[in-house]
PDB file of N, CA and C in Angstrom:
ATOM      1  N   VAL A   1      19.774   0.921 -74.437  1.00  0.00           N
ATOM      2  CA  VAL A   1      19.666   2.266 -74.766  1.00  0.00           C
ATOM      3  C   VAL A   1      19.861   2.232 -73.141  1.00  0.00           C
ATOM      4  N   TRP A   2      20.021   3.218 -73.029  1.00  0.00           N
ATOM      5  CA  TRP A   2      20.158   4.206 -71.283  1.00  0.00           C
ATOM      6  C   TRP A   2      18.907   5.243 -71.681  1.00  0.00           C
ATOM      7  N   ILE A   3      18.195   5.448 -70.542  1.00  0.00           N
ATOM      8  CA  ILE A   3      17.463   6.628 -70.313  1.00  0.00           C
ATOM      9  C   ILE A   3      18.037   7.342 -69.459  1.00  0.00           C
ATOM     10  N   ILE A   4      17.525   8.383 -69.723  1.00  0.00           N
ATOM     11  CA  ILE A   4      18.245   9.433 -68.448  1.00  0.00           C
ATOM     12  C   ILE A   4      16.785  10.570 -68.588  1.00  0.00           C
ATOM     13  N   GLN A   5      16.026  10.403 -67.796  1.00  0.00           N
ATOM     14  CA  GLN A   5      14.631  11.343 -67.419  1.00  0.00           C
ATOM     15  C   GLN A   5      14.846  12.501 -66.753  1.00  0.00           C
ATOM     16  N   THR A   6      14.170  13.528 -66.949  1.00  0.00           N
ATOM     17  CA  THR A   6      14.216  14.992 -66.381  1.00  0.00           C
ATOM     18  C   THR A   6      12.924  14.961 -66.142  1.00  0.00           C
ATOM     19  N   SER A   7      12.531  15.322 -65.431  1.00  0.00           N
ATOM     20  CA  SER A   7      11.207  15.988 -64.681  1.00  0.00           C
ATOM     21  C   SER A   7      11.160  17.585 -64.761  1.00  0.00           C
ATOM     22  N   TRP A   8       9.779  18.037 -65.163  1.00  0.00           N
ATOM     23  CA  TRP A   8       9.327  18.961 -65.346  1.00  0.00           C
ATOM     24  C   TRP A   8       8.544  19.632 -64.200  1.00  0.00           C
ATOM     25  N   VAL A   9       8.238  18.853 -63.202  1.00  0.00           N
ATOM     26  CA  VAL A   9       7.565  19.057 -62.088  1.00  0.00           C
ATOM     27  C   VAL A   9       8.794  19.932 -60.858  1.00  0.00           C
ATOM     28  N   LYS A  10       9.553  19.159 -61.045  1.00  0.00           N
ATOM     29  CA  LYS A  10      10.629  19.605 -60.140  1.00  0.00           C
ATOM     30  C   LYS A  10      11.593  20.708 -60.891  1.00  0.00           C
ATOM     31  N   LEU A  11      11.894  20.711 -61.911  1.00  0.00           N
ATOM     32  CA  LEU A  11      12.672  21.751 -62.486  1.00  0.00           C
ATOM     33  C   LEU A  11      12.282  22.954 -63.296  1.00  0.00           C
ATOM     34  N   GLY A  12      10.955  22.714 -63.592  1.00  0.00           N
ATOM     35  CA  GLY A  12      10.483  23.400 -64.776  1.00  0.00           C
ATOM     36  C   GLY A  12      10.544  23.407 -65.769  1.00  0.00           C
ATOM     37  N   THR A  13      10.014  23.883 -66.904  1.00  0.00           N
ATOM     38  CA  THR A  13       9.883  23.970 -68.157  1.00  0.00           C
ATOM     39  C   THR A  13      11.544  24.210 -68.662  1.00  0.00           C
ATOM     40  N   GLU A  14      12.132  25.432 -68.060  1.00  0.00           N
ATOM     41  CA  GLU A  14      13.107  25.687 -68.648  1.00  0.00           C
ATOM     42  C   GLU A  14      14.215  24.901 -67.897  1.00  0.00           C
ATOM     43  N   GLY A  15      13.904  24.085 -66.818  1.00  0.00           N
ATOM     44  CA  GLY A  15      15.220  23.532 -66.357  1.00  0.00           C
ATOM     45  C   GLY A  15      14.967  22.260 -66.909  1.00  0.00           C
ATOM     46  N   ALA A  16      13.624  21.850 -67.399  1.00  0.00           N
ATOM     47  CA  ALA A  16      13.798  20.672 -68.307  1.00  0.00           C
ATOM     48  C   ALA A  16      14.547  20.807 -69.445  1.00  0.00           C
ATOM     49  N   ALA A  17      14.270  21.618 -70.131  1.00  0.00           N
ATOM     50  CA  ALA A  17      15.002  21.810 -71.686  1.00  0.00           C
ATOM     51  C   ALA A  17      16.249  21.730 -71.508  1.00  0.00           C
ATOM     52  N   GLU A  18      16.919  22.462 -70.657  1.00  0.00           N
ATOM     53  CA  GLU A  18      18.052  22.472 -70.351  1.00  0.00           C
ATOM     54  C   GLU A  18      18.832  21.297 -70.181  1.00  0.00           C
ATOM     55  N   MET A  19      17.871  20.059 -69.207  1.00  0.00           N
ATOM     56  CA  MET A  19      18.859  19.051 -69.338  1.00  0.00           C
ATOM     57  C   MET A  19      18.706  17.970 -70.448  1.00  0.00           C
ATOM     58  N   LEU A  20      17.302  18.700 -71.421  1.00  0.00           N
ATOM     59  CA  LEU A  20      17.127  17.591 -72.665  1.00  0.00           C
ATOM     60  C   LEU A  20      18.303  18.497 -73.292  1.00  0.00           C
ATOM     61  N   ARG A  21      18.782  19.433 -73.741  1.00  0.00           N
ATOM     62  CA  ARG A  21      19.965  20.047 -74.422  1.00  0.00           C
ATOM     63  C   ARG A  21      21.489  19.266 -73.891  1.00  0.00           C
ATOM     64  N   SER A  22      21.433  19.054 -72.802  1.00  0.00           N
ATOM     65  CA  SER A  22      22.252  18.594 -71.941  1.00  0.00           C
ATOM     66  C   SER A  22      22.482  17.087 -72.128  1.00  0.00           C
ATOM     67  N   GLY A  23      21.722  16.406 -72.856  1.00  0.00           N
ATOM     68  CA  GLY A  23      21.784  14.596 -72.769  1.00  0.00           C
ATOM     69  C   GLY A  23      20.668  13.689 -72.138  1.00  0.00           C
ATOM     70  N   ALA A  24      19.377  14.373 -71.507  1.00  0.00           N
ATOM     71  CA  ALA A  24      18.305  13.818 -71.073  1.00  0.00           C
ATOM     72  C   ALA A  24      17.985  13.350 -72.195  1.00  0.00           C
ATOM     73  N   ASN A  25      16.917  12.433 -72.482  1.00  0.00           N
ATOM     74  CA  ASN A  25      16.369  12.249 -73.424  1.00  0.00           C
ATOM     75  C   ASN A  25      14.803  11.443 -73.227  1.00  0.00           C
ATOM     76  N   ASP A  26      14.410  11.916 -71.897  1.00  0.00           N
ATOM     77  CA  ASP A  26      12.871  11.504 -71.539  1.00  0.00           C
ATOM     78  C   ASP A  26      12.306  12.284 -70.809  1.00  0.00           C
ATOM     79  N   LEU A  27      11.409  13.224 -71.156  1.00  0.00           N
ATOM     80  CA  LEU A  27      10.898  14.383 -70.389  1.00  0.00           C
ATOM     81  C   LEU A  27       9.563  14.114 -69.554  1.00  0.00           C
ATOM     82  N   GLY A  28      10.160  13.694 -68.110  1.00  0.00           N
ATOM     83  CA  GLY A  28       9.034  13.637 -67.353  1.00  0.00           C
ATOM     84  C   GLY A  28       8.527  12.355 -67.334  1.00  0.00           C
ATOM     85  N   GLY A  29       8.351  11.224 -68.203  1.00  0.00           N
ATOM     86  CA  GLY A  29       8.427   9.980 -68.014  1.00  0.00           C
ATOM     87  C   GLY A  29       6.732  10.159 -68.617  1.00  0.00           C
ATOM     88  N   THR A  30       5.855   9.739 -67.990  1.00  0.00           N
ATOM     89  CA  THR A  30       4.640   9.818 -68.117  1.00  0.00           C
ATOM     90  C   THR A  30       3.768  10.844 -67.380  1.00  0.00           C
ATOM     91  N   LEU A  31       4.597  11.547 -66.899  1.00  0.00           N
ATOM     92  CA  LEU A  31       3.651  12.582 -65.887  1.00  0.00           C
ATOM     93  C   LEU A  31       3.058  13.567 -67.098  1.00  0.00           C
ATOM     94  N   MET A  32       1.676  13.960 -67.399  1.00  0.00           N
ATOM     95  CA  MET A  32       1.262  14.908 -67.503  1.00  0.00           C
ATOM     96  C   MET A  32       0.195  15.695 -66.809  1.00  0.00           C
ATOM     97  N   GLU A  33      -0.061  14.905 -65.394  1.00  0.00           N
ATOM     98  CA  GLU A  33      -0.490  15.756 -64.286  1.00  0.00           C
ATOM     99  C   GLU A  33       0.062  15.041 -63.276  1.00  0.00           C
ATOM    100  N   GLU A  34       0.588  15.739 -62.434  1.00  0.00           N
ATOM    101  CA  GLU A  34       1.298  15.328 -61.311  1.00  0.00           C
ATOM    102  C   GLU A  34       0.637  16.307 -60.167  1.00  0.00           C
ATOM    103  N   THR A  35       0.814  15.434 -59.253  1.00  0.00           N
ATOM    104  CA  THR A  35       0.118  16.611 -58.236  1.00  0.00           C
ATOM    105  C   THR A  35       1.425  16.592 -56.355  1.00  0.00           C
ATOM    106  N   ILE A  36       2.032  15.103 -56.767  1.00  0.00           N
ATOM    107  CA  ILE A  36       2.620  14.942 -55.391  1.00  0.00           C
ATOM    108  C   ILE A  36       3.840  15.788 -55.040  1.00  0.00           C
ATOM    109  N   SER A  37       4.945  16.006 -56.117  1.00  0.00           N
ATOM    110  CA  SER A  37       5.854  17.272 -56.007  1.00  0.00           C
ATOM    111  C   SER A  37       5.210  18.743 -55.528  1.00  0.00           C
ATOM    112  N   ARG A  38       4.205  18.526 -55.975  1.00  0.00           N
ATOM    113  CA  ARG A  38       3.257  19.869 -55.967  1.00  0.00           C
ATOM    114  C   ARG A  38       3.267  19.881 -54.379  1.00  0.00           C
ATOM    115  N   MET A  39       2.544  19.228 -53.827  1.00  0.00           N
ATOM    116  CA  MET A  39       1.999  18.612 -52.217  1.00  0.00           C
ATOM    117  C   MET A  39       3.277  18.792 -51.268  1.00  0.00           C
ATOM    118  N   ALA A  40       4.767  18.415 -51.999  1.00  0.00           N
ATOM    119  CA  ALA A  40       5.708  18.426 -51.166  1.00  0.00           C
ATOM    120  C   ALA A  40       6.508  19.743 -51.111  1.00  0.00           C
ATOM    121  N   GLY A  41       5.759  20.731 -52.044  1.00  0.00           N
ATOM    122  CA  GLY A  41       6.653  22.415 -51.981  1.00  0.00           C
ATOM    123  C   GLY A  41       7.131  22.688 -53.091  1.00  0.00           C
ATOM    124  N   SER A  42       7.037  22.014 -54.133  1.00  0.00           N
ATOM    125  CA  SER A  42       7.812  22.349 -55.763  1.00  0.00           C
ATOM    126  C   SER A  42       6.735  23.508 -55.815  1.00  0.00           C
ATOM    127  N   SER A  43       7.583  24.373 -56.968  1.00  0.00           N
ATOM    128  CA  SER A  43       7.146  25.879 -57.019  1.00  0.00           C
ATOM    129  C   SER A  43       6.565  25.346 -58.308  1.00  0.00           C
ATOM    130  N   TYR A  44       6.419  24.477 -59.046  1.00  0.00           N
ATOM    131  CA  TYR A  44       6.463  24.000 -60.325  1.00  0.00           C
ATOM    132  C   TYR A  44       4.878  23.908 -60.717  1.00  0.00           C
ATOM    133  N   GLY A  45       4.481  23.789 -61.669  1.00  0.00           N
ATOM    134  CA  GLY A  45       3.247  23.584 -61.775  1.00  0.00           C
ATOM    135  C   GLY A  45       2.788  21.975 -62.020  1.00  0.00           C
ATOM    136  N   SER A  46       1.684  21.803 -61.820  1.00  0.00           N
ATOM    137  CA  SER A  46       1.211  20.002 -61.844  1.00  0.00           C
ATOM    138  C   SER A  46       0.452  19.655 -63.092  1.00  0.00           C
ATOM    139  N   TYR A  47       0.265  20.272 -64.139  1.00  0.00           N
ATOM    140  CA  TYR A  47      -0.376  19.933 -65.434  1.00  0.00           C
ATOM    141  C   TYR A  47       0.405  20.215 -66.747  1.00  0.00           C
ATOM    142  N   LYS A  48       0.509  19.846 -67.490  1.00  0.00           N
ATOM    143  CA  LYS A  48       0.924  20.361 -68.769  1.00  0.00           C
ATOM    144  C   LYS A  48       0.256  19.206 -69.711  1.00  0.00           C
ATOM    145  N   SER A  49      -0.140  20.001 -70.836  1.00  0.00           N
ATOM    146  CA  SER A  49      -0.725  19.332 -71.947  1.00  0.00           C
ATOM    147  C   SER A  49       0.107  18.633 -72.820  1.00  0.00           C
ATOM    148  N   VAL A  50      -0.332  17.732 -73.740  1.00  0.00           N
ATOM    149  CA  VAL A  50       0.547  17.227 -74.966  1.00  0.00           C
ATOM    150  C   VAL A  50       1.021  18.452 -75.472  1.00  0.00           C
ATOM    151  N   ARG A  51       0.548  18.911 -75.903  1.00  0.00           N
ATOM    152  CA  ARG A  51       1.255  20.195 -76.657  1.00  0.00           C
ATOM    153  C   ARG A  51       2.170  21.233 -75.852  1.00  0.00           C
ATOM    154  N   ASP A  52       2.040  21.216 -74.464  1.00  0.00           N
ATOM    155  CA  ASP A  52       3.243  21.932 -73.514  1.00  0.00           C
ATOM    156  C   ASP A  52       4.297  20.937 -73.427  1.00  0.00           C
ATOM    157  N   LEU A  53       4.358  19.825 -73.351  1.00  0.00           N
ATOM    158  CA  LEU A  53       5.280  18.809 -73.367  1.00  0.00           C
ATOM    159  C   LEU A  53       5.937  18.882 -74.818  1.00  0.00           C
ATOM    160  N   VAL A  54       5.418  18.831 -75.935  1.00  0.00           N
ATOM    161  CA  VAL A  54       5.796  18.609 -77.007  1.00  0.00           C
ATOM    162  C   VAL A  54       6.569  20.112 -77.132  1.00  0.00           C
ATOM    163  N   ALA A  55       6.099  21.446 -76.878  1.00  0.00           N
ATOM    164  CA  ALA A  55       6.864  22.790 -77.027  1.00  0.00           C
ATOM    165  C   ALA A  55       8.194  22.705 -76.235  1.00  0.00           C
ATOM    166  N   VAL A  56       8.354  21.975 -74.956  1.00  0.00           N
ATOM    167  CA  VAL A  56       9.370  22.134 -74.030  1.00  0.00           C
ATOM    168  C   VAL A  56      10.229  20.889 -75.180  1.00  0.00           C
ATOM    169  N   ALA A  57       9.797  20.309 -75.739  1.00  0.00           N
ATOM    170  CA  ALA A  57      10.987  19.186 -76.593  1.00  0.00           C
ATOM    171  C   ALA A  57      11.782  20.051 -77.651  1.00  0.00           C
ATOM    172  N   GLU A  58      10.763  20.524 -78.294  1.00  0.00           N
ATOM    173  CA  GLU A  58      10.988  21.651 -79.361  1.00  0.00           C
ATOM    174  C   GLU A  58      12.067  22.630 -78.826  1.00  0.00           C
ATOM    175  N   ALA A  59      11.526  23.374 -77.788  1.00  0.00           N
ATOM    176  CA  ALA A  59      12.692  24.278 -77.395  1.00  0.00           C
ATOM    177  C   ALA A  59      13.858  23.674 -77.380  1.00  0.00           C
ATOM    178  N   ALA A  60      14.175  22.427 -76.962  1.00  0.00           N
ATOM    179  CA  ALA A  60      15.419  22.265 -76.679  1.00  0.00           C
ATOM    180  C   ALA A  60      16.078  21.712 -77.885  1.00  0.00           C
ATOM    181  N   GLY A  61      15.421  21.723 -78.914  1.00  0.00           N
ATOM    182  CA  GLY A  61      16.025  21.110 -80.185  1.00  0.00           C
ATOM    183  C   GLY A  61      15.953  19.758 -80.421  1.00  0.00           C
ATOM    184  N   ARG A  62      15.012  18.982 -79.290  1.00  0.00           N
ATOM    185  CA  ARG A  62      14.615  17.664 -79.514  1.00  0.00           C
ATOM    186  C   ARG A  62      13.423  16.833 -79.783  1.00  0.00           C
ATOM    187  N   PRO A  63      13.649  15.935 -80.386  1.00  0.00           N
ATOM    188  CA  PRO A  63      12.274  15.501 -81.178  1.00  0.00           C
ATOM    189  C   PRO A  63      11.116  15.316 -79.449  1.00  0.00           C
ATOM    190  N   ALA A  64       9.934  15.053 -79.655  1.00  0.00           N
ATOM    191  CA  ALA A  64       8.822  14.605 -78.793  1.00  0.00           C
ATOM    192  C   ALA A  64       7.995  13.324 -79.760  1.00  0.00           C
ATOM    193  N   LYS A  65       8.671  12.644 -78.784  1.00  0.00           N
ATOM    194  CA  LYS A  65       7.941  11.198 -79.298  1.00  0.00           C
ATOM    195  C   LYS A  65       6.994  10.464 -78.140  1.00  0.00           C
ATOM    196  N   PRO A  66       5.760  10.324 -77.844  1.00  0.00           N
ATOM    197  CA  PRO A  66       4.878   9.317 -76.811  1.00  0.00           C
ATOM    198  C   PRO A  66       5.809   8.125 -76.501  1.00  0.00           C
ATOM    199  N   ARG A  67       5.529   7.495 -75.524  1.00  0.00           N
ATOM    200  CA  ARG A  67       6.074   6.508 -75.427  1.00  0.00           C
ATOM    201  C   ARG A  67       4.812   5.868 -74.475  1.00  0.00           C
ATOM    202  N   THR A  68       4.990   4.635 -74.083  1.00  0.00           N
ATOM    203  CA  THR A  68       4.401   3.401 -73.183  1.00  0.00           C
ATOM    204  C   THR A  68       5.127   3.824 -71.845  1.00  0.00           C
ATOM    205  N   THR A  69       4.207   2.906 -70.972  1.00  0.00           N
ATOM    206  CA  THR A  69       5.354   3.024 -69.341  1.00  0.00           C
ATOM    207  C   THR A  69       6.433   2.064 -69.783  1.00  0.00           C
ATOM    208  N   LEU A  70       6.744   0.903 -70.259  1.00  0.00           N
ATOM    209  CA  LEU A  70       7.702   0.262 -70.901  1.00  0.00           C
ATOM    210  C   LEU A  70       8.397   0.725 -72.046  1.00  0.00           C
ATOM    211  N   TYR A  71       8.316   1.866 -72.466  1.00  0.00           N
ATOM    212  CA  TYR A  71       9.108   2.383 -73.529  1.00  0.00           C
ATOM    213  C   TYR A  71       8.570   2.270 -75.199  1.00  0.00           C
ATOM    214  N   GLY A  72       7.531   1.611 -75.214  1.00  0.00           N
ATOM    215  CA  GLY A  72       7.177   1.317 -76.187  1.00  0.00           C
ATOM    216  C   GLY A  72       6.210   2.387 -76.958  1.00  0.00           C
ATOM    217  N   ASP A  73       6.000   1.728 -78.116  1.00  0.00           N
ATOM    218  CA  ASP A  73       5.243   2.910 -79.034  1.00  0.00           C
ATOM    219  C   ASP A  73       3.448   3.058 -78.645  1.00  0.00           C
ATOM    220  N   VAL A  74       3.235   4.173 -78.695  1.00  0.00           N
ATOM    221  CA  VAL A  74       1.959   4.418 -77.856  1.00  0.00           C
ATOM    222  C   VAL A  74       1.398   3.926 -79.140  1.00  0.00           C
ATOM    223  N   PRO A  75       0.006   3.112 -78.737  1.00  0.00           N
ATOM    224  CA  PRO A  75      -1.038   2.913 -80.291  1.00  0.00           C
ATOM    225  C   PRO A  75      -2.001   4.364 -80.225  1.00  0.00           C
ATOM    226  N   GLU A  76      -1.708   4.334 -81.834  1.00  0.00           N
ATOM    227  CA  GLU A  76      -2.363   5.729 -82.510  1.00  0.00           C
ATOM    228  C   GLU A  76      -3.664   6.023 -81.716  1.00  0.00           C
ATOM    229  N   GLU A  77      -4.359   5.618 -81.208  1.00  0.00           N
ATOM    230  CA  GLU A  77      -5.903   5.574 -80.906  1.00  0.00           C
ATOM    231  C   GLU A  77      -5.707   6.165 -79.720  1.00  0.00           C
ATOM    232  N   ARG A  78      -4.687   5.748 -78.454  1.00  0.00           N
ATOM    233  CA  ARG A  78      -4.761   6.473 -77.501  1.00  0.00           C
ATOM    234  C   ARG A  78      -3.866   7.785 -77.845  1.00  0.00           C
ATOM    235  N   GLN A  79      -2.756   7.762 -78.366  1.00  0.00           N
ATOM    236  CA  GLN A  79      -2.424   9.384 -78.946  1.00  0.00           C
ATOM    237  C   GLN A  79      -3.672  10.173 -79.324  1.00  0.00           C
ATOM    238  N   ARG A  80      -4.267   9.950 -80.169  1.00  0.00           N
ATOM    239  CA  ARG A  80      -5.346  10.475 -80.809  1.00  0.00           C
ATOM    240  C   ARG A  80      -6.330  11.182 -79.732  1.00  0.00           C
ATOM    241  N   ALA A  81      -6.447  10.072 -78.512  1.00  0.00           N
ATOM    242  CA  ALA A  81      -7.708  10.497 -77.601  1.00  0.00           C
ATOM    243  C   ALA A  81      -6.654  11.654 -76.332  1.00  0.00           C
ATOM    244  N   ALA A  82      -5.470  11.014 -76.238  1.00  0.00           N
ATOM    245  CA  ALA A  82      -4.745  12.410 -75.420  1.00  0.00           C
ATOM    246  C   ALA A  82      -5.144  13.234 -76.061  1.00  0.00           C
ATOM    247  N   GLU A  83      -4.752  13.659 -77.253  1.00  0.00           N
ATOM    248  CA  GLU A  83      -4.747  15.189 -78.147  1.00  0.00           C
ATOM    249  C   GLU A  83      -5.630  15.826 -77.999  1.00  0.00           C
ATOM    250  N   ALA A  84      -6.944  14.966 -78.365  1.00  0.00           N
ATOM    251  CA  ALA A  84      -8.152  15.359 -78.467  1.00  0.00           C
ATOM    252  C   ALA A  84      -8.896  15.733 -77.365  1.00  0.00           C
ATOM    253  N   SER A  85      -8.641  15.138 -75.775  1.00  0.00           N
ATOM    254  CA  SER A  85      -8.608  15.820 -74.336  1.00  0.00           C
ATOM    255  C   SER A  85      -7.939  16.500 -74.277  1.00  0.00           C
ATOM    256  N   ASP A  86      -6.916  16.838 -74.484  1.00  0.00           N
ATOM    257  CA  ASP A  86      -5.646  17.677 -74.240  1.00  0.00           C
ATOM    258  C   ASP A  86      -5.142  17.368 -72.970  1.00  0.00           C
ATOM    259  N   GLY A  87      -5.225  16.262 -72.711  1.00  0.00           N
ATOM    260  CA  GLY A  87      -4.535  15.209 -71.656  1.00  0.00           C
ATOM    261  C   GLY A  87      -5.125  15.223 -70.660  1.00  0.00           C
ATOM    262  N   HIS A  88      -6.085  15.798 -70.558  1.00  0.00           N
ATOM    263  CA  HIS A  88      -7.201  16.103 -69.191  1.00  0.00           C
ATOM    264  C   HIS A  88      -8.019  14.199 -69.091  1.00  0.00           C
ATOM    265  N   LEU A  89      -7.803  13.672 -68.277  1.00  0.00           N
ATOM    266  CA  LEU A  89      -8.861  12.374 -68.184  1.00  0.00           C
ATOM    267  C   LEU A  89     -10.578  13.024 -67.871  1.00  0.00           C
ATOM    268  N   PRO A  90     -11.186  11.925 -68.550  1.00  0.00           N
ATOM    269  CA  PRO A  90     -12.767  12.364 -68.276  1.00  0.00           C
ATOM    270  C   PRO A  90     -12.980  12.135 -67.458  1.00  0.00           C
ATOM    271  N   ASP A  91     -14.121  12.809 -66.602  1.00  0.00           N
ATOM    272  CA  ASP A  91     -14.776  12.363 -65.280  1.00  0.00           C
ATOM    273  C   ASP A  91     -15.264  11.302 -65.410  1.00  0.00           C
ATOM    274  N   LEU A  92     -14.969  10.478 -64.412  1.00  0.00           N
ATOM    275  CA  LEU A  92     -15.562   9.264 -63.989  1.00  0.00           C
ATOM    276  C   LEU A  92     -16.955   8.903 -63.325  1.00  0.00           C
ATOM    277  N   LEU A  93     -17.211  10.258 -62.330  1.00  0.00           N
ATOM    278  CA  LEU A  93     -18.514   9.890 -61.636  1.00  0.00           C
ATOM    279  C   LEU A  93     -18.764  11.705 -61.436  1.00  0.00           C
ATOM    280  N   PRO A  94     -19.782  11.931 -61.592  1.00  0.00           N
ATOM    281  CA  PRO A  94     -20.568  13.218 -61.805  1.00  0.00           C
ATOM    282  C   PRO A  94     -19.754  13.791 -60.065  1.00  0.00           C
ATOM    283  N   VAL A  95     -19.396  15.311 -60.463  1.00  0.00           N
ATOM    284  CA  VAL A  95     -19.134  16.114 -59.362  1.00  0.00           C
ATOM    285  C   VAL A  95     -20.437  16.750 -58.736  1.00  0.00           C
ATOM    286  N   LEU A  96     -20.985  16.088 -57.267  1.00  0.00           N
ATOM    287  CA  LEU A  96     -22.192  16.409 -56.663  1.00  0.00           C
ATOM    288  C   LEU A  96     -21.638  17.915 -55.810  1.00  0.00           C
ATOM    289  N   ASP A  97     -22.776  18.690 -55.557  1.00  0.00           N
ATOM    290  CA  ASP A  97     -22.559  20.028 -54.529  1.00  0.00           C
ATOM    291  C   ASP A  97     -23.095  19.465 -53.278  1.00  0.00           C
TER     292      ASP A  97
END
């Protein structure tokens, strides 16, 4: 199976949706929060929630299916945790003033 990935951080959500309509079948890989492109001058945002990414796929008429880095199925408990946290990682250390 060929994987053709489109990047929402480089093309924006409308550009990524157009690529999905044109045959791409992977939306931004595992990227939900990405800062390197933004630091390099990209004009698009650096964060999309699970709901945001599903909406991009649906706008293109494509199904959204979470996957692991190796294109396997995401365990149900990990998917539930991602949806519950809206894609944000928990703070690991307290923020000090």
